[in-house]
Amino acid sequence: MHCETFSIEKPAERITSEAARRRLLSIRGEPLLLADWLRPVFIHYEVPAAALQRDVPFELDLRDGKAYVSLVAFTMRRMRPFRGGRFTSWLLKPIAHNDFLNVRTYVRHRNEPGIYFLTEWMNNPISVHLGPITFGLPYRFGKMNYQHRDEEGILNGTVREMKNGPSLNYQTHLTAPHFAPCPAGSLDEFLLERYTAFTSHKTSRRFFRIWHEPWKQQSIEISVKDTRLLETVWPWFADAKLTAANYSPGARDVWMGRPHRVINVRTACAGLSPKLHDSVKHDTVSPFP
């Protein structure tokens, strides 16, 4: 896999929730979907940047020279088209509800910050087949047992790909909930407030944009007792350092945009004259027809 090199020379431009909302509405036909993302647990790790970059076909977005990978365990409910009412909602009913474990890192493209999905375990076999060919999402089937009951102070979860196989296990107790938006400029904001997702499937790179209100969240202390599920896929995860965690009651009516194609102009223009080829400085993006 060809990977762009990471850089810390110029920070990516931060995108606020309101700016993300205006941007999505400015494009005809957007947004495409709505969904509720409920009771997410965010678990953040500092990882070796050079090893991570080899698995990521976009430039890493580093903070103070550090690369991060986050695990996001949550439940999606009521995914439905943004337009069309009950009939179109009925068409998506078989894939409207899923439990997820997203494994994501932080990237930028043309200085736009976003996330890149290393993989996503989920428990809906239909979606596992649809995700890669539509949005380029790297879905894998998994079995989740989430006990995210903040009203009882309980936040536990186990994810495994096969019975008696490697697993991920975490637990914590939530006391005195006090949910609030991330402080501006904080590490929490850097890790949580992202409104563009970049994906890759085979030779295609894509992106889609989202919008939701700023996460109402709180920092939590969490115990992760088993990470073998991750280490069997990425050996470098054995050197990951648990750095932070957050919990949110969730976001409702999240907007999800259409998938768009990332076009590598330097590759597409390989046959151009040297003068024209040298005039191309960056990759560009183009919506699907």
C-alpha atoms as a PDB file:
ATOM      1  CA  MET A   1       0.000   0.000   0.000  1.00  0.00           C
ATOM      2  CA  HIS A   2       1.306   3.448  -0.884  1.00  0.00           C
ATOM      3  CA  CYS A   3       1.168   5.747   2.114  1.00  0.00           C
ATOM      4  CA  GLU A   4       1.640   9.479   2.258  1.00  0.00           C
ATOM      5  CA  THR A   5       4.097  10.615   4.897  1.00  0.00           C
ATOM      6  CA  PHE A   6       2.854  12.247   8.072  1.00  0.00           C
ATOM      7  CA  SER A   7       3.796  15.783   8.953  1.00  0.00           C
ATOM      8  CA  ILE A   8       3.529  18.135  11.903  1.00  0.00           C
ATOM      9  CA  GLU A   9       4.567  21.271  10.054  1.00  0.00           C
ATOM     10  CA  LYS A  10       1.113  22.832   9.707  1.00  0.00           C
ATOM     11  CA  PRO A  11      -1.867  21.931  11.926  1.00  0.00           C
ATOM     12  CA  ALA A  12      -5.049  20.904  10.113  1.00  0.00           C
ATOM     13  CA  GLU A  13      -7.813  23.470  10.159  1.00  0.00           C
ATOM     14  CA  ARG A  14     -10.355  22.700  12.887  1.00  0.00           C
ATOM     15  CA  ILE A  15     -13.989  22.447  11.792  1.00  0.00           C
ATOM     16  CA  THR A  16     -16.713  23.384  14.282  1.00  0.00           C
ATOM     17  CA  SER A  17     -20.102  21.722  14.448  1.00  0.00           C
ATOM     18  CA  GLU A  18     -21.841  24.769  13.013  1.00  0.00           C
ATOM     19  CA  ALA A  19     -19.323  25.058  10.157  1.00  0.00           C
ATOM     20  CA  ALA A  20     -19.837  21.361   9.389  1.00  0.00           C
ATOM     21  CA  ARG A  21     -23.596  21.883   9.285  1.00  0.00           C
ATOM     22  CA  ARG A  22     -23.356  24.799   6.855  1.00  0.00           C
ATOM     23  CA  ARG A  23     -20.877  22.937   4.675  1.00  0.00           C
ATOM     24  CA  LEU A  24     -23.078  19.871   4.361  1.00  0.00           C
ATOM     25  CA  LEU A  25     -26.178  21.907   3.527  1.00  0.00           C
ATOM     26  CA  SER A  26     -24.277  23.822   0.850  1.00  0.00           C
ATOM     27  CA  ILE A  27     -24.011  20.699  -1.331  1.00  0.00           C
ATOM     28  CA  ARG A  28     -27.000  19.692  -3.408  1.00  0.00           C
ATOM     29  CA  GLY A  29     -28.543  16.396  -2.309  1.00  0.00           C
ATOM     30  CA  GLU A  30     -26.938  16.426   1.109  1.00  0.00           C
ATOM     31  CA  PRO A  31     -27.365  15.012   3.658  1.00  0.00           C
ATOM     32  CA  LEU A  32     -28.237  11.472   2.622  1.00  0.00           C
ATOM     33  CA  LEU A  33     -29.037   9.687   5.895  1.00  0.00           C
ATOM     34  CA  LEU A  34     -30.119  10.269   9.482  1.00  0.00           C
ATOM     35  CA  ALA A  35     -29.362   8.083  12.502  1.00  0.00           C
ATOM     36  CA  ASP A  36     -29.078   8.090  16.279  1.00  0.00           C
ATOM     37  CA  TRP A  37     -25.631   7.267  17.718  1.00  0.00           C
ATOM     38  CA  LEU A  38     -26.305   6.176  21.268  1.00  0.00           C
ATOM     39  CA  ARG A  39     -24.217   5.779  24.430  1.00  0.00           C
ATOM     40  CA  PRO A  40     -20.739   5.825  22.854  1.00  0.00           C
ATOM     41  CA  VAL A  41     -17.655   4.948  24.868  1.00  0.00           C
ATOM     42  CA  PHE A  42     -14.479   6.484  23.380  1.00  0.00           C
ATOM     43  CA  ILE A  43     -11.161   4.857  24.344  1.00  0.00           C
ATOM     44  CA  HIS A  44      -8.037   6.651  23.127  1.00  0.00           C
ATOM     45  CA  TYR A  45      -4.524   5.296  22.637  1.00  0.00           C
ATOM     46  CA  GLU A  46      -1.239   6.883  21.692  1.00  0.00           C
ATOM     47  CA  VAL A  47       0.429   4.628  19.114  1.00  0.00           C
ATOM     48  CA  PRO A  48       3.744   4.558  17.189  1.00  0.00           C
ATOM     49  CA  ALA A  49       3.199   7.008  14.340  1.00  0.00           C
ATOM     50  CA  ALA A  50       5.532   5.393  11.806  1.00  0.00           C
ATOM     51  CA  ALA A  51       3.993   1.932  12.256  1.00  0.00           C
ATOM     52  CA  LEU A  52       0.462   3.328  12.072  1.00  0.00           C
ATOM     53  CA  GLN A  53       1.196   5.358   8.934  1.00  0.00           C
ATOM     54  CA  ARG A  54       2.084   2.169   7.045  1.00  0.00           C
ATOM     55  CA  ASP A  55      -1.546   1.054   7.473  1.00  0.00           C
ATOM     56  CA  VAL A  56      -3.137   4.401   6.598  1.00  0.00           C
ATOM     57  CA  PRO A  57      -3.285   5.782   3.012  1.00  0.00           C
ATOM     58  CA  PHE A  58      -3.833   9.361   4.207  1.00  0.00           C
ATOM     59  CA  GLU A  59      -1.564  11.768   6.015  1.00  0.00           C
ATOM     60  CA  LEU A  60      -1.792  11.351   9.777  1.00  0.00           C
ATOM     61  CA  ASP A  61      -3.072  14.318  11.750  1.00  0.00           C
ATOM     62  CA  LEU A  62      -0.730  14.458  14.727  1.00  0.00           C
ATOM     63  CA  ARG A  63      -1.125  16.436  17.927  1.00  0.00           C
ATOM     64  CA  ASP A  64       2.128  17.608  19.469  1.00  0.00           C
ATOM     65  CA  GLY A  65       3.874  15.020  17.317  1.00  0.00           C
ATOM     66  CA  LYS A  66       1.754  12.140  18.664  1.00  0.00           C
ATOM     67  CA  ALA A  67      -0.509   9.768  16.731  1.00  0.00           C
ATOM     68  CA  TYR A  68      -3.743   8.457  18.219  1.00  0.00           C
ATOM     69  CA  VAL A  69      -6.074   5.549  17.610  1.00  0.00           C
ATOM     70  CA  SER A  70      -9.529   5.527  19.213  1.00  0.00           C
ATOM     71  CA  LEU A  71     -11.976   2.725  19.874  1.00  0.00           C
ATOM     72  CA  VAL A  72     -15.599   3.833  19.761  1.00  0.00           C
ATOM     73  CA  ALA A  73     -18.192   1.394  21.094  1.00  0.00           C
ATOM     74  CA  PHE A  74     -21.767   2.500  20.462  1.00  0.00           C
ATOM     75  CA  THR A  75     -25.206   1.557  19.199  1.00  0.00           C
ATOM     76  CA  MET A  76     -26.775   2.993  16.069  1.00  0.00           C
ATOM     77  CA  ARG A  77     -30.545   3.211  15.916  1.00  0.00           C
ATOM     78  CA  ARG A  78     -33.126   4.477  13.406  1.00  0.00           C
ATOM     79  CA  MET A  79     -30.886   4.910  10.386  1.00  0.00           C
ATOM     80  CA  ARG A  80     -33.145   6.185   7.614  1.00  0.00           C
ATOM     81  CA  PRO A  81     -32.983   8.431   4.544  1.00  0.00           C
ATOM     82  CA  PHE A  82     -32.960  12.157   5.198  1.00  0.00           C
ATOM     83  CA  ARG A  83     -35.812  12.493   2.709  1.00  0.00           C
ATOM     84  CA  GLY A  84     -38.703  10.229   1.784  1.00  0.00           C
ATOM     85  CA  GLY A  85     -40.574   9.652   5.023  1.00  0.00           C
ATOM     86  CA  ARG A  86     -41.883   6.311   6.226  1.00  0.00           C
ATOM     87  CA  PHE A  87     -41.611   4.472   2.921  1.00  0.00           C
ATOM     88  CA  THR A  88     -37.881   5.022   2.468  1.00  0.00           C
ATOM     89  CA  SER A  89     -37.334   4.367   6.179  1.00  0.00           C
ATOM     90  CA  TRP A  90     -39.015   0.994   5.718  1.00  0.00           C
ATOM     91  CA  LEU A  91     -36.598   0.136   2.902  1.00  0.00           C
ATOM     92  CA  LEU A  92     -33.605   0.588   5.229  1.00  0.00           C
ATOM     93  CA  LYS A  93     -35.174  -1.205   8.176  1.00  0.00           C
ATOM     94  CA  PRO A  94     -32.997  -4.373   7.808  1.00  0.00           C
ATOM     95  CA  ILE A  95     -29.843  -2.300   8.377  1.00  0.00           C
ATOM     96  CA  ALA A  96     -31.258   0.447  10.598  1.00  0.00           C
ATOM     97  CA  HIS A  97     -29.994  -0.962  13.913  1.00  0.00           C
ATOM     98  CA  ASN A  98     -26.421  -2.035  14.656  1.00  0.00           C
ATOM     99  CA  ASP A  99     -23.881  -2.247  17.432  1.00  0.00           C
ATOM    100  CA  PHE A 100     -20.441  -0.996  16.408  1.00  0.00           C
ATOM    101  CA  LEU A 101     -16.853  -1.038  17.525  1.00  0.00           C
ATOM    102  CA  ASN A 102     -15.075   1.525  15.367  1.00  0.00           C
ATOM    103  CA  VAL A 103     -11.284   1.556  15.302  1.00  0.00           C
ATOM    104  CA  ARG A 104     -10.289   4.918  13.918  1.00  0.00           C
ATOM    105  CA  THR A 105      -7.326   7.203  13.630  1.00  0.00           C
ATOM    106  CA  TYR A 106      -6.930  10.881  12.789  1.00  0.00           C
ATOM    107  CA  VAL A 107      -5.941  12.120   9.356  1.00  0.00           C
ATOM    108  CA  ARG A 108      -6.069  15.157   7.138  1.00  0.00           C
ATOM    109  CA  HIS A 109      -6.439  15.590   3.403  1.00  0.00           C
ATOM    110  CA  ARG A 110      -5.689  18.936   1.775  1.00  0.00           C
ATOM    111  CA  ASN A 111      -5.535  20.227   5.361  1.00  0.00           C
ATOM    112  CA  GLU A 112      -9.106  19.079   6.111  1.00  0.00           C
ATOM    113  CA  PRO A 113      -9.160  17.127   9.394  1.00  0.00           C
ATOM    114  CA  GLY A 114     -11.059  13.887   9.630  1.00  0.00           C
ATOM    115  CA  ILE A 115     -11.045  10.329  10.825  1.00  0.00           C
ATOM    116  CA  TYR A 116      -9.913   7.212   8.991  1.00  0.00           C
ATOM    117  CA  PHE A 117     -11.502   3.864   9.811  1.00  0.00           C
ATOM    118  CA  LEU A 118      -8.921   1.132  10.297  1.00  0.00           C
ATOM    119  CA  THR A 119     -11.825  -1.272  10.718  1.00  0.00           C
ATOM    120  CA  GLU A 120     -15.329  -1.462  12.166  1.00  0.00           C
ATOM    121  CA  TRP A 121     -16.749  -4.508  13.878  1.00  0.00           C
ATOM    122  CA  MET A 122     -20.530  -4.690  13.749  1.00  0.00           C
ATOM    123  CA  ASN A 123     -23.232  -7.271  14.382  1.00  0.00           C
ATOM    124  CA  ASN A 124     -25.423  -6.929  11.282  1.00  0.00           C
ATOM    125  CA  PRO A 125     -24.309  -9.360   8.530  1.00  0.00           C
ATOM    126  CA  ILE A 126     -26.221  -7.482   5.815  1.00  0.00           C
ATOM    127  CA  SER A 127     -24.406  -4.248   6.568  1.00  0.00           C
ATOM    128  CA  VAL A 128     -21.057  -6.062   6.648  1.00  0.00           C
ATOM    129  CA  HIS A 129     -21.464  -6.787   2.931  1.00  0.00           C
ATOM    130  CA  LEU A 130     -22.933  -3.408   1.953  1.00  0.00           C
ATOM    131  CA  GLY A 131     -20.528  -1.075   3.741  1.00  0.00           C
ATOM    132  CA  PRO A 132     -17.382  -1.715   1.655  1.00  0.00           C
ATOM    133  CA  ILE A 133     -19.058  -1.342  -1.741  1.00  0.00           C
ATOM    134  CA  THR A 134     -21.064   1.777  -0.898  1.00  0.00           C
ATOM    135  CA  PHE A 135     -19.014   3.931   1.481  1.00  0.00           C
ATOM    136  CA  GLY A 136     -15.740   1.988   1.400  1.00  0.00           C
ATOM    137  CA  LEU A 137     -16.226   1.117   5.075  1.00  0.00           C
ATOM    138  CA  PRO A 138     -14.031  -1.753   6.348  1.00  0.00           C
ATOM    139  CA  TYR A 139     -16.728  -3.720   8.149  1.00  0.00           C
ATOM    140  CA  ARG A 140     -16.075  -7.011   9.953  1.00  0.00           C
ATOM    141  CA  PHE A 141     -18.684  -9.131  11.669  1.00  0.00           C
ATOM    142  CA  GLY A 142     -18.391  -9.231  15.432  1.00  0.00           C
ATOM    143  CA  LYS A 143     -20.341 -10.181  18.522  1.00  0.00           C
ATOM    144  CA  MET A 144     -20.906  -7.337  20.969  1.00  0.00           C
ATOM    145  CA  ASN A 145     -22.130  -7.374  24.523  1.00  0.00           C
ATOM    146  CA  TYR A 146     -22.520  -3.757  25.619  1.00  0.00           C
ATOM    147  CA  GLN A 147     -23.781  -2.725  29.029  1.00  0.00           C
ATOM    148  CA  HIS A 148     -23.791   1.049  28.668  1.00  0.00           C
ATOM    149  CA  ARG A 149     -26.238   2.064  31.365  1.00  0.00           C
ATOM    150  CA  ASP A 150     -25.102   5.462  32.541  1.00  0.00           C
ATOM    151  CA  GLU A 151     -28.234   5.906  34.646  1.00  0.00           C
ATOM    152  CA  GLU A 152     -26.935   2.986  36.752  1.00  0.00           C
ATOM    153  CA  GLY A 153     -23.291   4.028  36.524  1.00  0.00           C
ATOM    154  CA  ILE A 154     -22.379   0.914  34.499  1.00  0.00           C
ATOM    155  CA  LEU A 155     -20.218   1.016  31.350  1.00  0.00           C
ATOM    156  CA  ASN A 156     -18.955  -2.434  30.362  1.00  0.00           C
ATOM    157  CA  GLY A 157     -18.365  -4.082  27.007  1.00  0.00           C
ATOM    158  CA  THR A 158     -16.956  -7.155  25.305  1.00  0.00           C
ATOM    159  CA  VAL A 159     -16.334  -7.600  21.581  1.00  0.00           C
ATOM    160  CA  ARG A 160     -15.111 -10.721  19.842  1.00  0.00           C
ATOM    161  CA  GLU A 161     -15.029 -11.912  16.256  1.00  0.00           C
ATOM    162  CA  MET A 162     -15.652 -15.574  16.935  1.00  0.00           C
ATOM    163  CA  LYS A 163     -16.659 -17.729  19.861  1.00  0.00           C
ATOM    164  CA  ASN A 164     -13.707 -18.225  22.225  1.00  0.00           C
ATOM    165  CA  GLY A 165     -11.532 -16.100  19.927  1.00  0.00           C
ATOM    166  CA  PRO A 166      -9.513 -12.986  20.801  1.00  0.00           C
ATOM    167  CA  SER A 167     -11.587 -10.293  22.450  1.00  0.00           C
ATOM    168  CA  LEU A 168     -11.691  -6.706  23.619  1.00  0.00           C
ATOM    169  CA  ASN A 169     -12.964  -6.163  27.143  1.00  0.00           C
ATOM    170  CA  TYR A 170     -13.405  -2.885  29.011  1.00  0.00           C
ATOM    171  CA  GLN A 171     -15.226  -1.667  32.095  1.00  0.00           C
ATOM    172  CA  THR A 172     -15.687   1.403  34.242  1.00  0.00           C
ATOM    173  CA  HIS A 173     -18.130   2.974  36.653  1.00  0.00           C
ATOM    174  CA  LEU A 174     -19.684   6.323  35.863  1.00  0.00           C
ATOM    175  CA  THR A 175     -20.204   8.452  38.932  1.00  0.00           C
ATOM    176  CA  ALA A 176     -21.791  11.892  39.139  1.00  0.00           C
ATOM    177  CA  PRO A 177     -22.529  12.358  35.421  1.00  0.00           C
ATOM    178  CA  HIS A 178     -21.861  15.898  34.235  1.00  0.00           C
ATOM    179  CA  PHE A 179     -21.962  16.005  30.463  1.00  0.00           C
ATOM    180  CA  ALA A 180     -20.670  19.067  28.629  1.00  0.00           C
ATOM    181  CA  PRO A 181     -19.083  19.956  25.270  1.00  0.00           C
ATOM    182  CA  CYS A 182     -15.340  19.465  24.944  1.00  0.00           C
ATOM    183  CA  PRO A 183     -13.275  22.509  25.971  1.00  0.00           C
ATOM    184  CA  ALA A 184     -12.003  24.420  22.948  1.00  0.00           C
ATOM    185  CA  GLY A 185      -8.467  23.481  21.988  1.00  0.00           C
ATOM    186  CA  SER A 186      -8.387  20.433  24.274  1.00  0.00           C
ATOM    187  CA  LEU A 187      -7.240  16.922  23.416  1.00  0.00           C
ATOM    188  CA  ASP A 188     -10.859  15.807  23.912  1.00  0.00           C
ATOM    189  CA  GLU A 189     -11.995  18.228  21.205  1.00  0.00           C
ATOM    190  CA  PHE A 190      -9.209  17.049  18.871  1.00  0.00           C
ATOM    191  CA  LEU A 191     -10.310  13.418  19.278  1.00  0.00           C
ATOM    192  CA  LEU A 192     -14.103  13.767  19.380  1.00  0.00           C
ATOM    193  CA  GLU A 193     -15.131  16.702  17.217  1.00  0.00           C
ATOM    194  CA  ARG A 194     -14.535  15.363  13.696  1.00  0.00           C
ATOM    195  CA  TYR A 195     -16.963  15.867  10.828  1.00  0.00           C
ATOM    196  CA  THR A 196     -15.296  14.136   7.853  1.00  0.00           C
ATOM    197  CA  ALA A 197     -14.651  10.413   7.483  1.00  0.00           C
ATOM    198  CA  PHE A 198     -12.087   9.073   5.005  1.00  0.00           C
ATOM    199  CA  THR A 199     -12.194   5.467   3.836  1.00  0.00           C
ATOM    200  CA  SER A 200     -10.370   3.151   1.469  1.00  0.00           C
ATOM    201  CA  HIS A 201     -11.487  -0.080  -0.179  1.00  0.00           C
ATOM    202  CA  LYS A 202      -9.191  -1.876  -2.600  1.00  0.00           C
ATOM    203  CA  THR A 203      -7.875   0.924  -4.841  1.00  0.00           C
ATOM    204  CA  SER A 204     -10.643   3.452  -4.120  1.00  0.00           C
ATOM    205  CA  ARG A 205     -10.384   6.232  -1.568  1.00  0.00           C
ATOM    206  CA  ARG A 206     -13.539   7.995  -0.493  1.00  0.00           C
ATOM    207  CA  PHE A 207     -14.848  10.422   2.063  1.00  0.00           C
ATOM    208  CA  PHE A 208     -18.203  11.434   3.485  1.00  0.00           C
ATOM    209  CA  ARG A 209     -19.146  14.228   5.822  1.00  0.00           C
ATOM    210  CA  ILE A 210     -21.392  14.242   8.865  1.00  0.00           C
ATOM    211  CA  TRP A 211     -22.987  16.683  11.242  1.00  0.00           C
ATOM    212  CA  HIS A 212     -24.255  16.525  14.800  1.00  0.00           C
ATOM    213  CA  GLU A 213     -24.418  18.853  17.751  1.00  0.00           C
ATOM    214  CA  PRO A 214     -21.133  19.017  19.709  1.00  0.00           C
ATOM    215  CA  TRP A 215     -20.744  15.888  21.819  1.00  0.00           C
ATOM    216  CA  LYS A 216     -22.035  16.293  25.357  1.00  0.00           C
ATOM    217  CA  GLN A 217     -19.514  14.122  27.111  1.00  0.00           C
ATOM    218  CA  GLN A 218     -17.352  13.636  30.125  1.00  0.00           C
ATOM    219  CA  SER A 219     -13.900  12.193  30.672  1.00  0.00           C
ATOM    220  CA  ILE A 220     -13.832   8.794  32.363  1.00  0.00           C
ATOM    221  CA  GLU A 221     -11.239   6.461  33.814  1.00  0.00           C
ATOM    222  CA  ILE A 222     -11.515   3.075  32.160  1.00  0.00           C
ATOM    223  CA  SER A 223      -9.970  -0.351  32.585  1.00  0.00           C
ATOM    224  CA  VAL A 224      -9.214  -2.271  29.379  1.00  0.00           C
ATOM    225  CA  LYS A 225      -8.419  -5.832  30.373  1.00  0.00           C
ATOM    226  CA  ASP A 226      -8.053  -7.500  26.999  1.00  0.00           C
ATOM    227  CA  THR A 227      -6.906  -6.049  23.664  1.00  0.00           C
ATOM    228  CA  ARG A 228      -5.998  -9.279  21.849  1.00  0.00           C
ATOM    229  CA  LEU A 229      -8.751  -8.629  19.287  1.00  0.00           C
ATOM    230  CA  LEU A 230      -6.767  -5.594  18.148  1.00  0.00           C
ATOM    231  CA  GLU A 231      -3.269  -7.005  18.509  1.00  0.00           C
ATOM    232  CA  THR A 232      -4.050  -9.940  16.212  1.00  0.00           C
ATOM    233  CA  VAL A 233      -4.924  -7.470  13.421  1.00  0.00           C
ATOM    234  CA  TRP A 234      -2.284  -4.797  14.137  1.00  0.00           C
ATOM    235  CA  PRO A 235       0.830  -6.085  15.950  1.00  0.00           C
ATOM    236  CA  TRP A 236       1.868  -2.487  16.661  1.00  0.00           C
ATOM    237  CA  PHE A 237      -1.128  -2.177  18.990  1.00  0.00           C
ATOM    238  CA  ALA A 238       0.885  -4.127  21.573  1.00  0.00           C
ATOM    239  CA  ASP A 239       2.888  -0.899  22.031  1.00  0.00           C
ATOM    240  CA  ALA A 240      -0.215   1.319  22.309  1.00  0.00           C
ATOM    241  CA  LYS A 241      -0.548   3.471  25.418  1.00  0.00           C
ATOM    242  CA  LEU A 242      -3.979   4.114  26.909  1.00  0.00           C
ATOM    243  CA  THR A 243      -4.194   7.890  27.320  1.00  0.00           C
ATOM    244  CA  ALA A 244      -7.823   8.970  27.772  1.00  0.00           C
ATOM    245  CA  ALA A 245     -11.473   7.937  27.558  1.00  0.00           C
ATOM    246  CA  ASN A 246     -14.840   9.654  27.239  1.00  0.00           C
ATOM    247  CA  TYR A 247     -18.490   8.765  27.501  1.00  0.00           C
ATOM    248  CA  SER A 248     -21.509  10.490  25.981  1.00  0.00           C
ATOM    249  CA  PRO A 249     -25.241   9.750  26.197  1.00  0.00           C
ATOM    250  CA  GLY A 250     -25.139  10.082  22.412  1.00  0.00           C
ATOM    251  CA  ALA A 251     -26.295  12.206  19.512  1.00  0.00           C
ATOM    252  CA  ARG A 252     -29.688  11.962  17.844  1.00  0.00           C
ATOM    253  CA  ASP A 253     -30.593  12.736  14.234  1.00  0.00           C
ATOM    254  CA  VAL A 254     -26.974  12.673  13.091  1.00  0.00           C
ATOM    255  CA  TRP A 255     -26.644  13.756   9.451  1.00  0.00           C
ATOM    256  CA  MET A 256     -24.561  11.546   7.169  1.00  0.00           C
ATOM    257  CA  GLY A 257     -23.582  12.704   3.711  1.00  0.00           C
ATOM    258  CA  ARG A 258     -23.101  10.830   0.470  1.00  0.00           C
ATOM    259  CA  PRO A 259     -19.827   9.056  -0.314  1.00  0.00           C
ATOM    260  CA  HIS A 260     -17.491  11.046  -2.547  1.00  0.00           C
ATOM    261  CA  ARG A 261     -14.452   9.876  -4.433  1.00  0.00           C
ATOM    262  CA  VAL A 262     -10.969  11.094  -3.592  1.00  0.00           C
ATOM    263  CA  ILE A 263      -9.110  11.428  -6.877  1.00  0.00           C
ATOM    264  CA  ASN A 264      -5.341  11.221  -6.827  1.00  0.00           C
ATOM    265  CA  VAL A 265      -4.532  13.850  -9.414  1.00  0.00           C
ATOM    266  CA  ARG A 266      -0.857  12.974  -9.488  1.00  0.00           C
ATOM    267  CA  THR A 267      -1.703   9.414 -10.531  1.00  0.00           C
ATOM    268  CA  ALA A 268      -4.531  10.406 -12.888  1.00  0.00           C
ATOM    269  CA  CYS A 269      -2.310  12.957 -14.630  1.00  0.00           C
ATOM    270  CA  ALA A 270       0.749  10.746 -15.037  1.00  0.00           C
ATOM    271  CA  GLY A 271       0.481  11.018 -18.822  1.00  0.00           C
ATOM    272  CA  LEU A 272       0.359  14.810 -18.944  1.00  0.00           C
ATOM    273  CA  SER A 273       3.175  16.968 -20.214  1.00  0.00           C
ATOM    274  CA  PRO A 274       5.803  17.889 -17.586  1.00  0.00           C
ATOM    275  CA  LYS A 275       4.518  21.485 -17.525  1.00  0.00           C
ATOM    276  CA  LEU A 276       0.921  20.468 -16.786  1.00  0.00           C
ATOM    277  CA  HIS A 277       1.973  17.665 -14.460  1.00  0.00           C
ATOM    278  CA  ASP A 278       4.069  20.050 -12.360  1.00  0.00           C
ATOM    279  CA  SER A 279       1.093  22.405 -12.043  1.00  0.00           C
ATOM    280  CA  VAL A 280      -0.835  19.752 -10.097  1.00  0.00           C
ATOM    281  CA  LYS A 281       0.011  20.119  -6.424  1.00  0.00           C
ATOM    282  CA  HIS A 282      -2.656  18.192  -4.499  1.00  0.00           C
ATOM    283  CA  ASP A 283      -5.152  15.411  -4.619  1.00  0.00           C
ATOM    284  CA  THR A 284      -8.695  16.614  -5.170  1.00  0.00           C
ATOM    285  CA  VAL A 285     -12.170  15.322  -4.418  1.00  0.00           C
ATOM    286  CA  SER A 286     -15.082  14.668  -6.676  1.00  0.00           C
ATOM    287  CA  PRO A 287     -18.643  13.599  -5.855  1.00  0.00           C
ATOM    288  CA  PHE A 288     -19.906  10.336  -7.177  1.00  0.00           C
ATOM    289  CA  PRO A 289     -21.932  10.799 -10.392  1.00  0.00           C
END
